[in-house]
All heavy atoms as atom14 arrays in JSON, in Angstrom:
{
  "sequence": "LPQQYQQLPDNVLFNGILDQLIQQTALAQSFTGELPPRVPLSLENE",
  "atom14_mask": [
    [1, 1, 1, 1, 1, 1, 1, 1, 0, 0, 0, 0, 0, 0],
    [1, 1, 1, 1, 1, 1, 1, 0, 0, 0, 0, 0, 0, 0],
    [1, 1, 1, 1, 1, 1, 1, 1, 1, 0, 0, 0, 0, 0],
    [1, 1, 1, 1, 1, 1, 1, 1, 1, 0, 0, 0, 0, 0],
    [1, 1, 1, 1, 1, 1, 1, 1, 1, 1, 1, 1, 0, 0],
    [1, 1, 1, 1, 1, 1, 1, 1, 1, 0, 0, 0, 0, 0],
    [1, 1, 1, 1, 1, 1, 1, 1, 1, 0, 0, 0, 0, 0],
    [1, 1, 1, 1, 1, 1, 1, 1, 0, 0, 0, 0, 0, 0],
    [1, 1, 1, 1, 1, 1, 1, 0, 0, 0, 0, 0, 0, 0],
    [1, 1, 1, 1, 1, 1, 1, 1, 0, 0, 0, 0, 0, 0],
    [1, 1, 1, 1, 1, 1, 1, 1, 0, 0, 0, 0, 0, 0],
    [1, 1, 1, 1, 1, 1, 1, 0, 0, 0, 0, 0, 0, 0],
    [1, 1, 1, 1, 1, 1, 1, 1, 0, 0, 0, 0, 0, 0],
    [1, 1, 1, 1, 1, 1, 1, 1, 1, 1, 1, 0, 0, 0],
    [1, 1, 1, 1, 1, 1, 1, 1, 0, 0, 0, 0, 0, 0],
    [1, 1, 1, 1, 0, 0, 0, 0, 0, 0, 0, 0, 0, 0],
    [1, 1, 1, 1, 1, 1, 1, 1, 0, 0, 0, 0, 0, 0],
    [1, 1, 1, 1, 1, 1, 1, 1, 0, 0, 0, 0, 0, 0],
    [1, 1, 1, 1, 1, 1, 1, 1, 0, 0, 0, 0, 0, 0],
    [1, 1, 1, 1, 1, 1, 1, 1, 1, 0, 0, 0, 0, 0],
    [1, 1, 1, 1, 1, 1, 1, 1, 0, 0, 0, 0, 0, 0],
    [1, 1, 1, 1, 1, 1, 1, 1, 0, 0, 0, 0, 0, 0],
    [1, 1, 1, 1, 1, 1, 1, 1, 1, 0, 0, 0, 0, 0],
    [1, 1, 1, 1, 1, 1, 1, 1, 1, 0, 0, 0, 0, 0],
    [1, 1, 1, 1, 1, 1, 1, 0, 0, 0, 0, 0, 0, 0],
    [1, 1, 1, 1, 1, 0, 0, 0, 0, 0, 0, 0, 0, 0],
    [1, 1, 1, 1, 1, 1, 1, 1, 0, 0, 0, 0, 0, 0],
    [1, 1, 1, 1, 1, 0, 0, 0, 0, 0, 0, 0, 0, 0],
    [1, 1, 1, 1, 1, 1, 1, 1, 1, 0, 0, 0, 0, 0],
    [1, 1, 1, 1, 1, 1, 0, 0, 0, 0, 0, 0, 0, 0],
    [1, 1, 1, 1, 1, 1, 1, 1, 1, 1, 1, 0, 0, 0],
    [1, 1, 1, 1, 1, 1, 1, 0, 0, 0, 0, 0, 0, 0],
    [1, 1, 1, 1, 0, 0, 0, 0, 0, 0, 0, 0, 0, 0],
    [1, 1, 1, 1, 1, 1, 1, 1, 1, 0, 0, 0, 0, 0],
    [1, 1, 1, 1, 1, 1, 1, 1, 0, 0, 0, 0, 0, 0],
    [1, 1, 1, 1, 1, 1, 1, 0, 0, 0, 0, 0, 0, 0],
    [1, 1, 1, 1, 1, 1, 1, 0, 0, 0, 0, 0, 0, 0],
    [1, 1, 1, 1, 1, 1, 1, 1, 1, 1, 1, 0, 0, 0],
    [1, 1, 1, 1, 1, 1, 1, 0, 0, 0, 0, 0, 0, 0],
    [1, 1, 1, 1, 1, 1, 1, 0, 0, 0, 0, 0, 0, 0],
    [1, 1, 1, 1, 1, 1, 1, 1, 0, 0, 0, 0, 0, 0],
    [1, 1, 1, 1, 1, 1, 0, 0, 0, 0, 0, 0, 0, 0],
    [1, 1, 1, 1, 1, 1, 1, 1, 0, 0, 0, 0, 0, 0],
    [1, 1, 1, 1, 1, 1, 1, 1, 1, 0, 0, 0, 0, 0],
    [1, 1, 1, 1, 1, 1, 1, 1, 0, 0, 0, 0, 0, 0],
    [1, 1, 1, 1, 1, 1, 1, 1, 1, 0, 0, 0, 0, 0]
  ],
  "atom14_positions": [
    [[9.7, 9.09, -12.1], [11.15, 9.14, -12.32], [11.57, 10.48, -12.96], [10.78, 11.06, -13.7], [11.6, 8.01, -13.27], [11.61, 6.58, -12.73], [11.88, 5.6, -13.86], [12.72, 6.43, -11.64], [0.0, 0.0, 0.0], [0.0, 0.0, 0.0], [0.0, 0.0, 0.0], [0.0, 0.0, 0.0], [0.0, 0.0, 0.0], [0.0, 0.0, 0.0]],
    [[12.78, 10.98, -12.67], [13.3, 12.13, -13.4], [13.28, 11.89, -14.87], [13.43, 10.73, -15.36], [14.71, 12.26, -12.87], [14.69, 11.57, -11.51], [13.73, 10.45, -11.7], [0.0, 0.0, 0.0], [0.0, 0.0, 0.0], [0.0, 0.0, 0.0], [0.0, 0.0, 0.0], [0.0, 0.0, 0.0], [0.0, 0.0, 0.0], [0.0, 0.0, 0.0]],
    [[13.17, 12.94, -15.69], [13.0, 12.83, -17.1], [14.14, 12.04, -17.78], [13.93, 11.26, -18.7], [12.91, 14.23, -17.76], [12.5, 14.23, -19.23], [11.15, 13.59, -19.46], [10.23, 13.69, -18.68], [11.0, 12.83, -20.57], [0.0, 0.0, 0.0], [0.0, 0.0, 0.0], [0.0, 0.0, 0.0], [0.0, 0.0, 0.0], [0.0, 0.0, 0.0]],
    [[15.4, 12.24, -17.29], [16.5, 11.56, -17.92], [16.42, 10.02, -17.78], [16.86, 9.29, -18.67], [17.84, 12.1, -17.36], [18.08, 11.76, -15.9], [17.7, 12.91, -15.01], [16.74, 13.6, -15.36], [18.39, 13.11, -13.88], [0.0, 0.0, 0.0], [0.0, 0.0, 0.0], [0.0, 0.0, 0.0], [0.0, 0.0, 0.0], [0.0, 0.0, 0.0]],
    [[15.83, 9.57, -16.7], [15.66, 8.11, -16.52], [14.5, 7.57, -17.35], [14.5, 6.42, -17.76], [15.47, 7.79, -15.07], [16.7, 8.02, -14.22], [16.71, 9.08, -13.27], [17.81, 7.23, -14.36], [17.84, 9.32, -12.53], [18.97, 7.5, -13.61], [18.97, 8.55, -12.68], [20.11, 8.77, -11.92], [0.0, 0.0, 0.0], [0.0, 0.0, 0.0]],
    [[13.52, 8.39, -17.64], [12.33, 7.91, -18.37], [12.71, 7.66, -19.83], [11.94, 7.05, -20.56], [11.22, 8.94, -18.27], [10.67, 9.11, -16.86], [9.27, 9.64, -16.81], [8.48, 9.4, -17.71], [8.92, 10.34, -15.73], [0.0, 0.0, 0.0], [0.0, 0.0, 0.0], [0.0, 0.0, 0.0], [0.0, 0.0, 0.0], [0.0, 0.0, 0.0]],
    [[13.87, 8.15, -20.26], [14.31, 7.91, -21.63], [14.9, 6.49, -21.82], [15.16, 6.08, -22.95], [15.34, 8.96, -22.02], [14.91, 10.38, -21.83], [13.63, 10.71, -22.6], [13.44, 10.33, -23.75], [12.71, 11.42, -21.92], [0.0, 0.0, 0.0], [0.0, 0.0, 0.0], [0.0, 0.0, 0.0], [0.0, 0.0, 0.0], [0.0, 0.0, 0.0]],
    [[15.17, 5.81, -20.69], [15.78, 4.48, -20.83], [14.83, 3.49, -21.44], [13.6, 3.66, -21.35], [16.2, 4.02, -19.43], [17.35, 4.77, -18.76], [17.52, 4.33, -17.32], [18.63, 4.65, -19.5], [0.0, 0.0, 0.0], [0.0, 0.0, 0.0], [0.0, 0.0, 0.0], [0.0, 0.0, 0.0], [0.0, 0.0, 0.0], [0.0, 0.0, 0.0]],
    [[15.35, 2.42, -22.05], [14.47, 1.38, -22.62], [13.54, 0.8, -21.59], [13.89, 0.64, -20.44], [15.46, 0.34, -23.2], [16.73, 1.11, -23.35], [16.79, 2.13, -22.26], [0.0, 0.0, 0.0], [0.0, 0.0, 0.0], [0.0, 0.0, 0.0], [0.0, 0.0, 0.0], [0.0, 0.0, 0.0], [0.0, 0.0, 0.0], [0.0, 0.0, 0.0]],
    [[12.37, 0.39, -22.03], [11.38, -0.15, -21.09], [11.85, -1.4, -20.39], [11.55, -1.58, -19.18], [10.06, -0.49, -21.86], [9.3, 0.77, -22.26], [9.49, 1.84, -21.57], [8.53, 0.76, -23.2], [0.0, 0.0, 0.0], [0.0, 0.0, 0.0], [0.0, 0.0, 0.0], [0.0, 0.0, 0.0], [0.0, 0.0, 0.0], [0.0, 0.0, 0.0]],
    [[12.59, -2.27, -21.1], [13.02, -3.48, -20.4], [14.02, -3.13, -19.29], [14.09, -3.82, -18.28], [13.66, -4.46, -21.43], [14.88, -3.88, -22.13], [14.93, -2.68, -22.43], [15.89, -4.71, -22.35], [0.0, 0.0, 0.0], [0.0, 0.0, 0.0], [0.0, 0.0, 0.0], [0.0, 0.0, 0.0], [0.0, 0.0, 0.0], [0.0, 0.0, 0.0]],
    [[14.87, -2.13, -19.5], [15.78, -1.72, -18.48], [15.03, -1.11, -17.28], [15.34, -1.43, -16.13], [16.84, -0.71, -19.03], [17.72, -0.12, -17.91], [17.67, -1.36, -20.13], [0.0, 0.0, 0.0], [0.0, 0.0, 0.0], [0.0, 0.0, 0.0], [0.0, 0.0, 0.0], [0.0, 0.0, 0.0], [0.0, 0.0, 0.0], [0.0, 0.0, 0.0]],
    [[14.08, -0.27, -17.61], [13.28, 0.39, -16.53], [12.5, -0.64, -15.75], [12.4, -0.56, -14.54], [12.36, 1.43, -17.15], [12.99, 2.76, -17.53], [11.95, 3.66, -18.19], [13.58, 3.47, -16.33], [0.0, 0.0, 0.0], [0.0, 0.0, 0.0], [0.0, 0.0, 0.0], [0.0, 0.0, 0.0], [0.0, 0.0, 0.0], [0.0, 0.0, 0.0]],
    [[11.91, -1.6, -16.44], [11.06, -2.59, -15.79], [11.86, -3.33, -14.72], [11.46, -3.38, -13.57], [10.52, -3.61, -16.81], [9.47, -4.52, -16.24], [8.15, -4.26, -16.38], [9.87, -5.68, -15.56], [7.17, -5.11, -15.85], [8.94, -6.56, -15.0], [7.54, -6.28, -15.18], [0.0, 0.0, 0.0], [0.0, 0.0, 0.0], [0.0, 0.0, 0.0]],
    [[13.01, -3.88, -15.1], [13.81, -4.65, -14.13], [14.37, -3.73, -13.06], [14.41, -4.12, -11.9], [14.96, -5.31, -14.88], [14.44, -6.48, -15.8], [13.5, -7.13, -15.45], [15.1, -6.6, -16.94], [0.0, 0.0, 0.0], [0.0, 0.0, 0.0], [0.0, 0.0, 0.0], [0.0, 0.0, 0.0], [0.0, 0.0, 0.0], [0.0, 0.0, 0.0]],
    [[14.78, -2.52, -13.4], [15.35, -1.62, -12.43], [14.3, -1.19, -11.42], [14.61, -1.14, -10.2], [0.0, 0.0, 0.0], [0.0, 0.0, 0.0], [0.0, 0.0, 0.0], [0.0, 0.0, 0.0], [0.0, 0.0, 0.0], [0.0, 0.0, 0.0], [0.0, 0.0, 0.0], [0.0, 0.0, 0.0], [0.0, 0.0, 0.0], [0.0, 0.0, 0.0]],
    [[13.1, -0.86, -11.89], [12.05, -0.43, -10.95], [11.64, -1.56, -10.04], [11.44, -1.42, -8.84], [10.83, 0.13, -11.75], [11.21, 1.47, -12.4], [9.63, 0.28, -10.82], [10.18, 1.97, -13.41], [0.0, 0.0, 0.0], [0.0, 0.0, 0.0], [0.0, 0.0, 0.0], [0.0, 0.0, 0.0], [0.0, 0.0, 0.0], [0.0, 0.0, 0.0]],
    [[11.48, -2.77, -10.61], [11.07, -3.92, -9.78], [12.15, -4.19, -8.75], [11.82, -4.46, -7.61], [10.85, -5.12, -10.69], [10.33, -6.38, -9.94], [9.08, -6.09, -9.15], [10.07, -7.53, -10.94], [0.0, 0.0, 0.0], [0.0, 0.0, 0.0], [0.0, 0.0, 0.0], [0.0, 0.0, 0.0], [0.0, 0.0, 0.0], [0.0, 0.0, 0.0]],
    [[13.44, -4.16, -9.15], [14.5, -4.42, -8.16], [14.44, -3.38, -7.04], [14.62, -3.69, -5.87], [15.88, -4.31, -8.9], [16.17, -5.52, -9.72], [15.43, -6.55, -9.56], [17.05, -5.47, -10.57], [0.0, 0.0, 0.0], [0.0, 0.0, 0.0], [0.0, 0.0, 0.0], [0.0, 0.0, 0.0], [0.0, 0.0, 0.0], [0.0, 0.0, 0.0]],
    [[14.25, -2.12, -7.46], [14.21, -1.04, -6.46], [13.02, -1.23, -5.46], [13.23, -1.1, -4.26], [14.05, 0.34, -7.14], [14.05, 1.47, -6.13], [13.83, 2.8, -6.84], [12.87, 2.92, -7.6], [14.65, 3.76, -6.59], [0.0, 0.0, 0.0], [0.0, 0.0, 0.0], [0.0, 0.0, 0.0], [0.0, 0.0, 0.0], [0.0, 0.0, 0.0]],
    [[11.86, -1.59, -5.99], [10.7, -1.79, -5.11], [10.92, -3.01, -4.19], [10.49, -3.03, -3.03], [9.42, -1.95, -5.93], [8.97, -0.7, -6.62], [7.75, -0.99, -7.54], [8.6, 0.41, -5.68], [0.0, 0.0, 0.0], [0.0, 0.0, 0.0], [0.0, 0.0, 0.0], [0.0, 0.0, 0.0], [0.0, 0.0, 0.0], [0.0, 0.0, 0.0]],
    [[11.52, -4.04, -4.69], [11.82, -5.22, -3.86], [12.8, -4.82, -2.77], [12.59, -5.19, -1.6], [12.41, -6.33, -4.74], [11.29, -6.96, -5.59], [13.06, -7.43, -3.89], [11.79, -7.97, -6.66], [0.0, 0.0, 0.0], [0.0, 0.0, 0.0], [0.0, 0.0, 0.0], [0.0, 0.0, 0.0], [0.0, 0.0, 0.0], [0.0, 0.0, 0.0]],
    [[13.84, -4.08, -3.11], [14.85, -3.69, -2.11], [14.17, -2.75, -1.04], [14.47, -2.9, 0.13], [16.01, -2.96, -2.84], [16.84, -3.87, -3.71], [17.67, -3.1, -4.69], [17.77, -1.89, -4.62], [18.29, -3.82, -5.61], [0.0, 0.0, 0.0], [0.0, 0.0, 0.0], [0.0, 0.0, 0.0], [0.0, 0.0, 0.0], [0.0, 0.0, 0.0]],
    [[13.38, -1.81, -1.54], [12.73, -0.88, -0.6], [11.77, -1.67, 0.35], [11.69, -1.34, 1.55], [11.96, 0.19, -1.37], [12.84, 1.2, -2.02], [12.03, 2.16, -2.88], [10.89, 1.93, -3.22], [12.66, 3.29, -3.23], [0.0, 0.0, 0.0], [0.0, 0.0, 0.0], [0.0, 0.0, 0.0], [0.0, 0.0, 0.0], [0.0, 0.0, 0.0]],
    [[11.07, -2.66, -0.2], [10.15, -3.43, 0.62], [10.92, -4.19, 1.68], [10.53, -4.27, 2.85], [9.31, -4.37, -0.24], [8.61, -3.61, -1.27], [8.28, -5.12, 0.58], [0.0, 0.0, 0.0], [0.0, 0.0, 0.0], [0.0, 0.0, 0.0], [0.0, 0.0, 0.0], [0.0, 0.0, 0.0], [0.0, 0.0, 0.0], [0.0, 0.0, 0.0]],
    [[12.01, -4.83, 1.27], [12.85, -5.59, 2.24], [13.41, -4.65, 3.31], [13.37, -5.01, 4.51], [13.99, -6.31, 1.51], [0.0, 0.0, 0.0], [0.0, 0.0, 0.0], [0.0, 0.0, 0.0], [0.0, 0.0, 0.0], [0.0, 0.0, 0.0], [0.0, 0.0, 0.0], [0.0, 0.0, 0.0], [0.0, 0.0, 0.0], [0.0, 0.0, 0.0]],
    [[13.85, -3.49, 2.93], [14.39, -2.51, 3.89], [13.26, -2.03, 4.83], [13.49, -1.92, 6.04], [15.0, -1.34, 3.14], [16.38, -1.57, 2.49], [16.73, -0.42, 1.56], [17.43, -1.72, 3.6], [0.0, 0.0, 0.0], [0.0, 0.0, 0.0], [0.0, 0.0, 0.0], [0.0, 0.0, 0.0], [0.0, 0.0, 0.0], [0.0, 0.0, 0.0]],
    [[12.07, -1.75, 4.25], [10.99, -1.29, 5.07], [10.6, -2.35, 6.11], [10.28, -2.0, 7.27], [9.81, -0.9, 4.18], [0.0, 0.0, 0.0], [0.0, 0.0, 0.0], [0.0, 0.0, 0.0], [0.0, 0.0, 0.0], [0.0, 0.0, 0.0], [0.0, 0.0, 0.0], [0.0, 0.0, 0.0], [0.0, 0.0, 0.0], [0.0, 0.0, 0.0]],
    [[10.58, -3.58, 5.67], [10.18, -4.64, 6.61], [11.24, -4.84, 7.7], [10.94, -5.33, 8.79], [9.96, -5.96, 5.89], [8.71, -5.96, 5.01], [8.59, -7.22, 4.2], [9.41, -7.5, 3.33], [7.55, -7.99, 4.44], [0.0, 0.0, 0.0], [0.0, 0.0, 0.0], [0.0, 0.0, 0.0], [0.0, 0.0, 0.0], [0.0, 0.0, 0.0]],
    [[12.47, -4.5, 7.4], [13.55, -4.68, 8.41], [13.5, -3.59, 9.47], [14.14, -3.74, 10.51], [14.91, -4.68, 7.73], [15.27, -3.39, 7.28], [0.0, 0.0, 0.0], [0.0, 0.0, 0.0], [0.0, 0.0, 0.0], [0.0, 0.0, 0.0], [0.0, 0.0, 0.0], [0.0, 0.0, 0.0], [0.0, 0.0, 0.0], [0.0, 0.0, 0.0]],
    [[12.81, -2.51, 9.19], [12.8, -1.39, 10.14], [11.84, -1.67, 11.27], [10.67, -1.93, 11.1], [12.37, -0.09, 9.39], [12.41, 1.1, 10.32], [13.6, 1.79, 10.58], [11.24, 1.62, 10.89], [13.64, 2.88, 11.4], [11.27, 2.72, 11.72], [12.47, 3.33, 11.95], [0.0, 0.0, 0.0], [0.0, 0.0, 0.0], [0.0, 0.0, 0.0]],
    [[12.41, -1.65, 12.49], [11.61, -1.96, 13.66], [11.56, -0.8, 14.67], [10.92, -0.89, 15.7], [12.09, -3.2, 14.36], [13.5, -3.03, 14.74], [11.98, -4.43, 13.45], [0.0, 0.0, 0.0], [0.0, 0.0, 0.0], [0.0, 0.0, 0.0], [0.0, 0.0, 0.0], [0.0, 0.0, 0.0], [0.0, 0.0, 0.0], [0.0, 0.0, 0.0]],
    [[12.27, 0.27, 14.35], [12.33, 1.4, 15.26], [11.09, 2.29, 15.17], [10.13, 1.98, 14.47], [0.0, 0.0, 0.0], [0.0, 0.0, 0.0], [0.0, 0.0, 0.0], [0.0, 0.0, 0.0], [0.0, 0.0, 0.0], [0.0, 0.0, 0.0], [0.0, 0.0, 0.0], [0.0, 0.0, 0.0], [0.0, 0.0, 0.0], [0.0, 0.0, 0.0]],
    [[11.18, 3.4, 15.88], [10.1, 4.39, 15.87], [10.37, 5.39, 14.74], [11.48, 5.95, 14.64], [10.04, 5.11, 17.21], [8.87, 6.07, 17.29], [8.76, 6.71, 18.68], [9.48, 6.28, 19.58], [7.97, 7.66, 18.78], [0.0, 0.0, 0.0], [0.0, 0.0, 0.0], [0.0, 0.0, 0.0], [0.0, 0.0, 0.0], [0.0, 0.0, 0.0]],
    [[9.38, 5.61, 13.9], [9.59, 6.56, 12.79], [9.76, 7.99, 13.32], [9.0, 8.43, 14.18], [8.37, 6.51, 11.86], [8.18, 5.27, 11.02], [6.85, 5.31, 10.29], [9.29, 5.1, 10.01], [0.0, 0.0, 0.0], [0.0, 0.0, 0.0], [0.0, 0.0, 0.0], [0.0, 0.0, 0.0], [0.0, 0.0, 0.0], [0.0, 0.0, 0.0]],
    [[10.72, 8.73, 12.76], [10.85, 10.15, 13.15], [9.67, 10.95, 12.59], [9.04, 10.5, 11.62], [12.17, 10.58, 12.48], [12.34, 9.61, 11.32], [11.72, 8.31, 11.79], [0.0, 0.0, 0.0], [0.0, 0.0, 0.0], [0.0, 0.0, 0.0], [0.0, 0.0, 0.0], [0.0, 0.0, 0.0], [0.0, 0.0, 0.0], [0.0, 0.0, 0.0]],
    [[9.32, 12.05, 13.2], [8.18, 12.84, 12.79], [8.14, 13.19, 11.34], [7.09, 13.36, 10.75], [8.25, 14.07, 13.67], [9.05, 13.69, 14.88], [9.99, 12.67, 14.42], [0.0, 0.0, 0.0], [0.0, 0.0, 0.0], [0.0, 0.0, 0.0], [0.0, 0.0, 0.0], [0.0, 0.0, 0.0], [0.0, 0.0, 0.0], [0.0, 0.0, 0.0]],
    [[9.35, 13.37, 10.7], [9.35, 13.8, 9.31], [8.73, 12.78, 8.37], [8.25, 13.15, 7.33], [10.79, 14.05, 8.87], [11.76, 12.86, 9.0], [13.19, 13.25, 8.56], [14.11, 12.25, 8.99], [14.35, 11.09, 8.4], [13.65, 10.77, 7.33], [15.26, 10.25, 8.89], [0.0, 0.0, 0.0], [0.0, 0.0, 0.0], [0.0, 0.0, 0.0]],
    [[8.68, 11.47, 8.73], [8.12, 10.5, 7.86], [6.6, 10.64, 7.76], [6.06, 10.8, 6.64], [8.52, 9.08, 8.3], [7.8, 8.03, 7.44], [10.01, 8.88, 8.19], [0.0, 0.0, 0.0], [0.0, 0.0, 0.0], [0.0, 0.0, 0.0], [0.0, 0.0, 0.0], [0.0, 0.0, 0.0], [0.0, 0.0, 0.0], [0.0, 0.0, 0.0]],
    [[5.82, 10.58, 8.86], [4.42, 10.81, 8.73], [4.07, 12.2, 8.21], [3.09, 12.36, 7.45], [3.82, 10.58, 10.13], [5.0, 10.73, 11.04], [6.19, 10.27, 10.27], [0.0, 0.0, 0.0], [0.0, 0.0, 0.0], [0.0, 0.0, 0.0], [0.0, 0.0, 0.0], [0.0, 0.0, 0.0], [0.0, 0.0, 0.0], [0.0, 0.0, 0.0]],
    [[4.85, 13.22, 8.54], [4.63, 14.54, 8.02], [4.79, 14.57, 6.5], [4.02, 15.2, 5.8], [5.58, 15.53, 8.68], [5.35, 15.86, 10.13], [6.47, 16.72, 10.71], [4.0, 16.57, 10.35], [0.0, 0.0, 0.0], [0.0, 0.0, 0.0], [0.0, 0.0, 0.0], [0.0, 0.0, 0.0], [0.0, 0.0, 0.0], [0.0, 0.0, 0.0]],
    [[5.82, 13.88, 6.03], [6.04, 13.81, 4.56], [4.9, 13.08, 3.88], [4.46, 13.48, 2.79], [7.38, 13.11, 4.26], [8.45, 13.85, 4.76], [0.0, 0.0, 0.0], [0.0, 0.0, 0.0], [0.0, 0.0, 0.0], [0.0, 0.0, 0.0], [0.0, 0.0, 0.0], [0.0, 0.0, 0.0], [0.0, 0.0, 0.0], [0.0, 0.0, 0.0]],
    [[4.42, 12.0, 4.49], [3.28, 11.28, 3.93], [2.04, 12.15, 3.88], [1.3, 12.08, 2.91], [3.06, 9.98, 4.76], [4.12, 8.91, 4.63], [3.83, 7.76, 5.64], [4.19, 8.36, 3.19], [0.0, 0.0, 0.0], [0.0, 0.0, 0.0], [0.0, 0.0, 0.0], [0.0, 0.0, 0.0], [0.0, 0.0, 0.0], [0.0, 0.0, 0.0]],
    [[1.84, 12.9, 4.94], [0.64, 13.8, 4.98], [0.74, 14.86, 3.87], [-0.24, 15.17, 3.16], [0.53, 14.43, 6.35], [0.05, 13.48, 7.39], [0.06, 14.13, 8.79], [0.22, 15.36, 8.87], [-0.01, 13.41, 9.82], [0.0, 0.0, 0.0], [0.0, 0.0, 0.0], [0.0, 0.0, 0.0], [0.0, 0.0, 0.0], [0.0, 0.0, 0.0]],
    [[1.91, 15.46, 3.71], [2.1, 16.45, 2.68], [1.91, 15.85, 1.27], [1.29, 16.44, 0.44], [3.5, 17.06, 2.75], [3.56, 18.24, 3.73], [2.53, 18.71, 4.19], [4.77, 18.73, 4.0], [0.0, 0.0, 0.0], [0.0, 0.0, 0.0], [0.0, 0.0, 0.0], [0.0, 0.0, 0.0], [0.0, 0.0, 0.0], [0.0, 0.0, 0.0]],
    [[2.45, 14.65, 1.07], [2.33, 14.0, -0.23], [0.84, 13.67, -0.53], [0.39, 13.83, -1.65], [3.14, 12.73, -0.27], [3.2, 12.02, -1.59], [3.92, 12.78, -2.65], [4.63, 13.74, -2.33], [3.75, 12.42, -3.84], [0.0, 0.0, 0.0], [0.0, 0.0, 0.0], [0.0, 0.0, 0.0], [0.0, 0.0, 0.0], [0.0, 0.0, 0.0]]
  ]
}
């Protein structure tokens, strides 16, 4: 997380991060198209 967000209380971060991961997971599962080249390229770079 960016530094300014890491200053938030742990209980706020815990719920916020879990909500975000749940939302991202639901969105990822909903995707049925073909990934553009930038996605695997970004994963390789990371």
